[in-house]
Amino acid sequence: QVQLVESGGGLVQPGGSLRLSCAASGSILSINDMGWYRQAPGKQREMVAVISSGGSQRYADSVKGRFTISRDNAKNTVYLQMNSLKPEDTAVYYCNMHLRQVTGWFSDYWGQGTQVTVSS
């Protein structure tokens, strides 16, 4: 079994910063892409940022220059540093990992979600 546990969400004022973390545990051989997605009320889930096993990053246009994704392979953890937060960043943030289990199978796993609210 594999489990992804997120932390770091909360309430922040516009212009503030938050750092999200997501740690994977269980029978993992390797992890390919790690990413963050978000879903605001009444909207579809959207990609925020993804980082490959080699460190290549891609971002949604709406967060470029403000958010930074990083990973610690030794800890099976992905981070999202969010700066200059805006009210429109308010959403539930989910981490995602495409990983290979000890069985040899590749699968996608999702975290439970963490609420980020940007409001004065």
Protein backbone atom coordinates (compact mmCIF):
# COMPACT_ATOMS: atom_id res chain seq x y z
CA GLN A 1 0.00 0.00 0.00
CA VAL A 2 1.05 3.56 -0.73
CA GLN A 3 -0.10 6.64 1.11
CA LEU A 4 0.41 10.33 0.33
CA VAL A 5 0.09 12.74 3.24
CA GLU A 6 -0.11 16.49 2.66
CA SER A 7 0.50 19.34 5.06
CA GLY A 8 0.96 23.08 5.07
CA GLY A 9 -2.36 24.54 3.97
CA GLY A 10 -4.18 27.30 5.79
CA LEU A 11 -5.45 30.85 5.74
CA VAL A 12 -3.16 33.60 4.49
CA GLN A 13 -3.59 37.23 3.50
CA PRO A 14 -3.12 38.36 -0.09
CA GLY A 15 0.56 38.77 -0.83
CA GLY A 16 1.50 36.18 1.76
CA SER A 17 3.28 32.85 1.42
CA LEU A 18 2.63 29.21 2.22
CA ARG A 19 4.63 26.04 1.75
CA LEU A 20 2.88 22.76 1.04
CA SER A 21 4.47 19.36 1.59
CA CYS A 22 3.45 15.90 0.47
CA ALA A 23 5.22 12.76 1.65
CA ALA A 24 4.73 9.31 0.18
CA SER A 25 5.13 6.13 2.18
CA GLY A 26 4.68 2.44 1.53
CA SER A 27 6.02 -0.13 -0.90
CA ILE A 28 7.67 2.26 -3.38
CA LEU A 29 10.48 1.43 -5.78
CA SER A 30 10.70 4.74 -7.58
CA ILE A 31 8.74 7.89 -8.29
CA ASN A 32 8.51 9.53 -11.68
CA ASP A 33 6.51 12.76 -11.87
CA MET A 34 5.39 14.54 -8.72
CA GLY A 35 2.85 17.29 -9.00
CA TRP A 36 0.39 19.64 -7.40
CA TYR A 37 -3.15 20.21 -8.60
CA ARG A 38 -5.93 22.37 -7.24
CA GLN A 39 -9.68 22.55 -7.35
CA ALA A 40 -11.67 25.65 -6.52
CA PRO A 41 -15.40 25.48 -5.73
CA GLY A 42 -17.43 24.96 -8.88
CA LYS A 43 -14.35 24.46 -11.04
CA GLN A 44 -12.49 21.51 -12.49
CA ARG A 45 -9.27 20.28 -10.99
CA GLU A 46 -6.28 21.91 -12.72
CA MET A 47 -2.56 21.33 -12.84
CA VAL A 48 -0.53 23.80 -10.81
CA ALA A 49 3.01 22.46 -11.10
CA VAL A 50 4.78 19.22 -11.97
CA ILE A 51 8.37 18.12 -11.46
CA SER A 52 9.93 15.12 -13.20
CA SER A 53 12.36 12.64 -11.70
CA GLY A 54 15.10 14.53 -13.49
CA GLY A 55 14.06 17.85 -12.01
CA SER A 56 12.31 19.40 -15.02
CA GLN A 57 9.46 21.65 -13.95
CA ARG A 58 6.35 22.97 -15.60
CA TYR A 59 3.82 25.41 -14.23
CA ALA A 60 0.39 26.71 -14.96
CA ASP A 61 0.61 30.18 -16.50
CA SER A 62 -1.35 31.61 -13.58
CA VAL A 63 1.34 30.70 -11.04
CA LYS A 64 4.57 31.18 -13.01
CA GLY A 65 7.00 33.39 -11.17
CA ARG A 66 5.12 33.02 -7.89
CA PHE A 67 5.14 29.28 -7.12
CA THR A 68 8.10 26.91 -7.01
CA ILE A 69 7.91 23.14 -6.97
CA SER A 70 10.74 21.00 -5.61
CA ARG A 71 11.33 17.43 -4.50
CA ASP A 72 13.44 15.45 -2.07
CA ASN A 73 13.86 11.99 -3.52
CA ALA A 74 15.46 10.61 -0.36
CA LYS A 75 12.29 11.49 1.54
CA ASN A 76 9.79 10.74 -1.27
CA THR A 77 8.49 14.26 -0.72
CA VAL A 78 7.33 17.05 -2.98
CA TYR A 79 7.01 20.69 -1.95
CA LEU A 80 5.18 23.71 -3.30
CA GLN A 81 6.42 27.12 -2.22
CA MET A 82 3.69 29.64 -2.89
CA ASN A 83 4.55 33.35 -2.78
CA SER A 84 2.58 36.49 -3.60
CA LEU A 85 -0.64 34.61 -3.05
CA LYS A 86 -3.84 35.98 -4.55
CA PRO A 87 -7.49 35.37 -3.64
CA GLU A 88 -7.87 33.42 -6.88
CA ASP A 89 -5.34 30.89 -5.55
CA THR A 90 -7.95 29.78 -3.02
CA ALA A 91 -8.64 26.09 -3.57
CA VAL A 92 -8.09 22.60 -2.26
CA TYR A 93 -4.60 21.55 -3.27
CA TYR A 94 -3.84 17.90 -4.06
CA CYS A 95 -0.49 16.26 -4.58
CA ASN A 96 -0.07 13.54 -7.16
CA MET A 97 2.70 11.02 -7.74
CA HIS A 98 3.27 8.60 -10.59
CA LEU A 99 5.23 5.87 -8.92
CA ARG A 100 6.42 2.29 -9.28
CA GLN A 101 5.58 -0.09 -6.47
CA VAL A 102 7.62 -3.11 -5.37
CA THR A 103 5.24 -5.24 -7.46
CA GLY A 104 6.63 -3.53 -10.54
CA TRP A 105 3.37 -1.81 -11.42
CA PHE A 106 3.19 1.92 -12.10
CA SER A 107 0.25 3.76 -10.57
CA ASP A 108 -1.01 7.26 -9.87
CA TYR A 109 -1.66 8.23 -6.28
CA TRP A 110 -3.34 11.31 -4.82
CA GLY A 111 -3.11 13.02 -1.48
CA GLN A 112 -6.16 13.78 0.61
CA GLY A 113 -6.11 17.48 -0.24
CA THR A 114 -5.27 20.53 1.82
CA GLN A 115 -7.26 23.76 1.88
CA VAL A 116 -5.53 27.01 0.94
CA THR A 117 -7.55 30.17 1.54
CA VAL A 118 -6.24 33.58 0.54
CA SER A 119 -8.31 36.32 2.10
CA SER A 120 -7.97 39.54 4.05
